[in-house]
Amino acid sequence: MSRWTALVLAGSRPGRDAFAQAHGTDLKALIPVGGVPMVARPVTALLKADEISRVVVLAQQPERIVVALPTDVRLSVIRSGDTIAATLENILSDPATEFPLLVTTADHALLDEGIISDFCRQAAGADLAIGLVEQRPLLARLPETSRTWLRFRGGAYSGANLFAFGNRKAASAVALWRSVEQDRKKGWRMIAALGPSVLLGAVLRLRTIEQTLASVGRKIGLDIRKVELSNPLAAVDVDKPADHELVTAILDGQA
């Protein structure tokens, strides 16, 4: 079994964060979820997972994040760059970086060992793997949820804030990410950045998601793999007040 290094992105967006301030902090990663600082939830899950050998949390204010986390020799908190893409580019170019890398986010409050195992198993060996949840099981579990859906022939998908970088070649994908970083929540703009043929195929639903990822992979020289996760809660993060209410209800067994 491959042993993965996990990166947890716990940075803050520039400017005032009204969501965080409503919960008594200025850092989103420290918003309490079920009485626990949000960032501590995915970090704890990763430390428990058999597949993970090391966890690195990246934040602009690491000295504040570290006090919210468990003490573990496998855990470190380091200063991140100004943006996600810049931070990942630096890590992928560092000769000391060990692969494979699993990347997730501090707001992945429902991440658990089962999701991690499912993702690592399916992502093993890919240059780049992207965690996704298909629309039908997610709506069956949470009929009222509002998500950003990417629609293809054969299904619609929501991101699960889980990515795998199998080797240094994946830096080309991060360069593409940098070009659309401000639009990462706007699925169609991200697809458009990949070229007119990919955009047209998605708009008209002429291609499956596998065909689309294969086309993108050829463009940037990578084996890109879809990882469709069996637990639909993998697609639920805490990005706004309604998400916080939903995740709290799920943790309390009320949703």
Protein backbone atom coordinates (compact mmCIF):
# COMPACT_ATOMS: atom_id res chain seq x y z
CA MET A 1 0.00 0.00 0.00
CA SER A 2 1.30 3.46 -0.94
CA ARG A 3 1.86 5.84 1.94
CA TRP A 4 0.57 9.31 1.17
CA THR A 5 1.53 12.77 2.34
CA ALA A 6 -1.61 14.83 2.95
CA LEU A 7 -1.74 18.60 2.44
CA VAL A 8 -4.56 20.52 4.12
CA LEU A 9 -5.15 23.99 2.69
CA ALA A 10 -6.14 26.27 5.56
CA GLY A 11 -5.46 29.69 4.11
CA SER A 12 -7.71 32.74 4.17
CA ARG A 13 -9.04 34.86 1.35
CA PRO A 14 -7.98 38.51 1.28
CA GLY A 15 -10.15 41.00 3.11
CA ARG A 16 -12.80 40.71 5.78
CA ASP A 17 -14.46 37.29 6.16
CA ALA A 18 -18.01 37.94 7.37
CA PHE A 19 -18.69 34.21 7.71
CA ALA A 20 -15.75 33.74 10.07
CA GLN A 21 -16.54 36.90 12.02
CA ALA A 22 -20.10 35.70 12.61
CA HIS A 23 -18.52 32.78 14.48
CA GLY A 24 -16.17 34.88 16.59
CA THR A 25 -12.97 34.60 14.56
CA ASP A 26 -11.30 36.19 11.55
CA LEU A 27 -10.01 32.86 10.16
CA LYS A 28 -12.41 30.55 8.38
CA ALA A 29 -10.37 27.47 9.35
CA LEU A 30 -11.03 28.23 13.04
CA ILE A 31 -14.83 28.43 12.77
CA PRO A 32 -16.23 25.96 15.32
CA VAL A 33 -18.11 23.00 13.80
CA GLY A 34 -19.77 20.82 16.39
CA GLY A 35 -17.66 22.48 19.07
CA VAL A 36 -14.37 21.74 17.29
CA PRO A 37 -12.29 24.17 15.19
CA MET A 38 -13.17 23.26 11.61
CA VAL A 39 -9.60 22.56 10.47
CA ALA A 40 -9.14 19.98 13.23
CA ARG A 41 -11.80 17.70 11.72
CA PRO A 42 -10.12 16.78 8.41
CA VAL A 43 -6.69 16.77 10.06
CA THR A 44 -7.85 14.28 12.69
CA ALA A 45 -9.40 12.05 10.02
CA LEU A 46 -6.18 12.07 8.00
CA LEU A 47 -4.06 11.19 11.03
CA LYS A 48 -6.32 8.19 11.69
CA ALA A 49 -6.23 6.92 8.09
CA ASP A 50 -3.93 3.97 7.42
CA GLU A 51 -2.97 5.36 4.01
CA ILE A 52 -1.53 8.64 5.34
CA SER A 53 2.03 8.83 6.67
CA ARG A 54 2.31 12.60 7.15
CA VAL A 55 -0.02 15.60 7.33
CA VAL A 56 1.04 19.14 6.44
CA VAL A 57 -1.32 22.05 7.09
CA LEU A 58 -0.70 25.19 5.03
CA ALA A 59 -1.88 28.55 6.37
CA GLN A 60 -0.91 32.21 6.23
CA GLN A 61 -0.92 32.34 10.05
CA PRO A 62 0.41 28.92 11.08
CA GLU A 63 1.05 30.01 14.67
CA ARG A 64 -2.71 30.46 15.15
CA ILE A 65 -3.76 27.29 13.35
CA VAL A 66 -1.38 24.95 15.18
CA VAL A 67 -2.99 25.56 18.57
CA ALA A 68 -6.31 24.23 17.23
CA LEU A 69 -4.81 20.90 16.12
CA PRO A 70 -3.95 17.65 17.87
CA THR A 71 -0.35 16.99 18.88
CA ASP A 72 1.19 14.36 16.63
CA VAL A 73 4.76 13.87 15.37
CA ARG A 74 3.36 13.23 11.88
CA LEU A 75 1.72 16.66 11.76
CA SER A 76 3.30 19.99 10.80
CA VAL A 77 1.88 23.44 10.09
CA ILE A 78 3.77 25.70 7.70
CA ARG A 79 3.27 29.08 6.12
CA SER A 80 1.47 29.04 2.77
CA GLY A 81 1.77 31.38 -0.19
CA ASP A 82 -0.76 34.04 -1.08
CA THR A 83 -2.83 31.70 -3.27
CA ILE A 84 -3.59 27.98 -3.45
CA ALA A 85 -2.00 27.57 -6.87
CA ALA A 86 1.20 29.39 -5.92
CA THR A 87 1.50 27.28 -2.78
CA LEU A 88 1.05 24.01 -4.67
CA GLU A 89 3.48 25.05 -7.40
CA ASN A 90 6.15 25.65 -4.77
CA ILE A 91 5.52 22.27 -3.15
CA LEU A 92 5.52 20.33 -6.42
CA SER A 93 8.79 21.94 -7.49
CA ASP A 94 10.53 21.24 -4.18
CA PRO A 95 12.99 18.32 -4.59
CA ALA A 96 12.22 17.25 -1.00
CA THR A 97 8.52 16.68 -1.70
CA GLU A 98 7.49 13.03 -1.41
CA PHE A 99 4.75 11.61 -3.62
CA PRO A 100 1.95 10.72 -3.82
CA LEU A 101 0.26 13.78 -2.38
CA LEU A 102 -3.35 14.02 -1.26
CA VAL A 103 -4.67 17.57 -1.15
CA THR A 104 -7.80 18.63 0.70
CA THR A 105 -9.15 21.70 2.47
CA ALA A 106 -9.74 22.85 6.03
CA ASP A 107 -13.48 23.16 5.39
CA HIS A 108 -13.85 19.44 4.57
CA ALA A 109 -15.44 18.90 7.98
CA LEU A 110 -17.12 15.57 7.10
CA LEU A 111 -13.97 13.91 5.78
CA ASP A 112 -13.51 10.50 7.37
CA GLU A 113 -11.29 7.45 7.11
CA GLY A 114 -13.65 5.69 4.72
CA ILE A 115 -13.63 8.58 2.24
CA ILE A 116 -9.85 8.84 2.47
CA SER A 117 -9.37 5.12 1.85
CA ASP A 118 -11.80 5.13 -1.08
CA PHE A 119 -10.04 8.11 -2.66
CA CYS A 120 -6.48 6.81 -2.20
CA ARG A 121 -7.37 3.38 -3.57
CA GLN A 122 -8.90 4.78 -6.76
CA ALA A 123 -6.31 7.54 -7.23
CA ALA A 124 -3.22 5.34 -6.86
CA GLY A 125 -0.94 5.51 -9.91
CA ALA A 126 -2.54 8.52 -11.61
CA ASP A 127 -0.56 11.67 -12.42
CA LEU A 128 -3.55 13.66 -11.21
CA ALA A 129 -6.82 12.47 -9.70
CA ILE A 130 -9.91 14.51 -8.87
CA GLY A 131 -12.46 13.47 -6.26
CA LEU A 132 -16.08 13.85 -7.39
CA VAL A 133 -19.57 12.87 -6.27
CA GLU A 134 -22.32 12.09 -8.77
CA GLN A 135 -25.55 14.04 -8.45
CA ARG A 136 -28.00 11.18 -7.89
CA PRO A 137 -26.60 9.71 -4.66
CA LEU A 138 -25.96 13.17 -3.22
CA LEU A 139 -29.52 14.34 -3.88
CA ALA A 140 -30.86 11.05 -2.53
CA ARG A 141 -28.98 11.70 0.71
CA LEU A 142 -29.54 15.48 0.85
CA PRO A 143 -32.50 16.39 -1.41
CA GLU A 144 -32.43 20.11 -0.54
CA THR A 145 -28.72 20.69 -1.02
CA SER A 146 -27.54 23.40 -3.39
CA ARG A 147 -24.36 22.57 -5.29
CA THR A 148 -22.34 23.61 -8.32
CA TRP A 149 -22.86 20.80 -10.85
CA LEU A 150 -20.68 19.99 -13.83
CA ARG A 151 -22.89 18.18 -16.32
CA PHE A 152 -21.64 15.65 -18.86
CA ARG A 153 -23.13 12.89 -20.91
CA GLY A 154 -24.02 10.20 -18.40
CA GLY A 155 -24.07 12.28 -15.25
CA ALA A 156 -23.57 15.49 -13.31
CA TYR A 157 -20.84 15.84 -10.70
CA SER A 158 -19.86 18.01 -7.76
CA GLY A 159 -16.31 18.41 -6.53
CA ALA A 160 -15.23 16.75 -3.28
CA ASN A 161 -12.23 18.93 -2.37
CA LEU A 162 -9.92 15.95 -2.81
CA PHE A 163 -7.04 15.90 -5.28
CA ALA A 164 -4.11 13.55 -5.79
CA PHE A 165 -0.78 14.51 -7.31
CA GLY A 166 1.10 11.36 -8.22
CA ASN A 167 4.38 12.95 -9.31
CA ARG A 168 6.08 16.20 -10.25
CA LYS A 169 4.51 16.17 -13.74
CA ALA A 170 1.25 17.33 -12.16
CA ALA A 171 2.70 20.85 -11.91
CA SER A 172 1.27 21.51 -15.37
CA ALA A 173 -2.22 21.05 -13.95
CA VAL A 174 -1.49 23.56 -11.19
CA ALA A 175 -0.42 26.10 -13.81
CA LEU A 176 -3.85 25.68 -15.41
CA TRP A 177 -5.48 25.98 -11.97
CA ARG A 178 -3.64 29.27 -11.44
CA SER A 179 -5.18 30.66 -14.63
CA VAL A 180 -8.73 30.08 -13.35
CA GLU A 181 -8.15 30.21 -9.59
CA GLN A 182 -10.55 33.07 -8.96
CA ASP A 183 -13.28 31.11 -10.77
CA ARG A 184 -12.80 27.75 -9.07
CA LYS A 185 -16.43 27.80 -7.84
CA LYS A 186 -17.71 28.65 -11.35
CA GLY A 187 -17.57 25.36 -13.16
CA TRP A 188 -18.30 26.61 -16.68
CA ARG A 189 -15.52 29.20 -16.60
CA MET A 190 -13.06 26.51 -15.59
CA ILE A 191 -14.18 24.28 -18.46
CA ALA A 192 -13.96 27.19 -20.89
CA ALA A 193 -10.33 27.71 -19.92
CA LEU A 194 -9.57 24.23 -21.21
CA GLY A 195 -10.41 25.12 -24.78
CA PRO A 196 -13.41 25.47 -27.11
CA SER A 197 -13.71 21.77 -27.96
CA VAL A 198 -13.90 20.80 -24.30
CA LEU A 199 -16.39 23.59 -23.58
CA LEU A 200 -18.62 22.69 -26.52
CA GLY A 201 -18.58 19.02 -25.62
CA ALA A 202 -19.61 19.82 -22.06
CA VAL A 203 -22.30 22.36 -23.00
CA LEU A 204 -23.91 19.97 -25.48
CA ARG A 205 -23.20 16.98 -23.21
CA LEU A 206 -21.52 15.17 -26.06
CA ARG A 207 -18.75 13.80 -23.86
CA THR A 208 -18.63 11.79 -20.68
CA ILE A 209 -16.52 13.14 -17.86
CA GLU A 210 -13.94 10.44 -18.59
CA GLN A 211 -13.66 11.59 -22.20
CA THR A 212 -13.35 15.20 -21.09
CA LEU A 213 -10.58 14.44 -18.59
CA ALA A 214 -8.75 12.37 -21.21
CA SER A 215 -8.91 15.33 -23.60
CA VAL A 216 -7.59 17.71 -20.94
CA GLY A 217 -4.91 15.19 -20.02
CA ARG A 218 -3.65 15.03 -23.59
CA LYS A 219 -3.50 18.82 -23.68
CA ILE A 220 -1.26 19.08 -20.61
CA GLY A 221 0.51 15.72 -20.84
CA LEU A 222 -1.03 14.00 -17.82
CA ASP A 223 -3.00 10.91 -16.93
CA ILE A 224 -6.02 12.53 -15.23
CA ARG A 225 -8.39 10.23 -13.40
CA LYS A 226 -11.91 10.73 -12.11
CA VAL A 227 -12.37 9.35 -8.59
CA GLU A 228 -16.09 8.92 -8.00
CA LEU A 229 -16.55 8.58 -4.27
CA SER A 230 -19.13 6.21 -2.82
CA ASN A 231 -20.00 8.41 0.16
CA PRO A 232 -21.98 11.40 -1.15
CA LEU A 233 -21.11 13.43 1.95
CA ALA A 234 -17.62 13.76 0.49
CA ALA A 235 -19.00 16.65 -1.59
CA VAL A 236 -20.20 18.65 1.43
CA ASP A 237 -17.89 21.38 2.71
CA VAL A 238 -18.41 24.38 4.99
CA ASP A 239 -18.16 27.41 2.74
CA LYS A 240 -21.14 29.49 3.87
CA PRO A 241 -23.68 29.72 6.73
CA ALA A 242 -26.12 27.25 5.15
CA ASP A 243 -23.29 24.70 4.83
CA HIS A 244 -22.43 25.20 8.50
CA GLU A 245 -26.01 24.52 9.52
CA LEU A 246 -26.17 21.43 7.31
CA VAL A 247 -22.88 19.93 8.50
CA THR A 248 -23.78 20.61 12.14
CA ALA A 249 -27.10 18.83 11.62
CA ILE A 250 -25.35 15.86 9.96
CA LEU A 251 -22.85 15.59 12.83
CA ASP A 252 -25.73 15.74 15.31
CA GLY A 253 -27.55 12.97 13.44
CA GLN A 254 -30.39 15.32 12.44
CA ALA A 255 -29.83 15.28 8.66
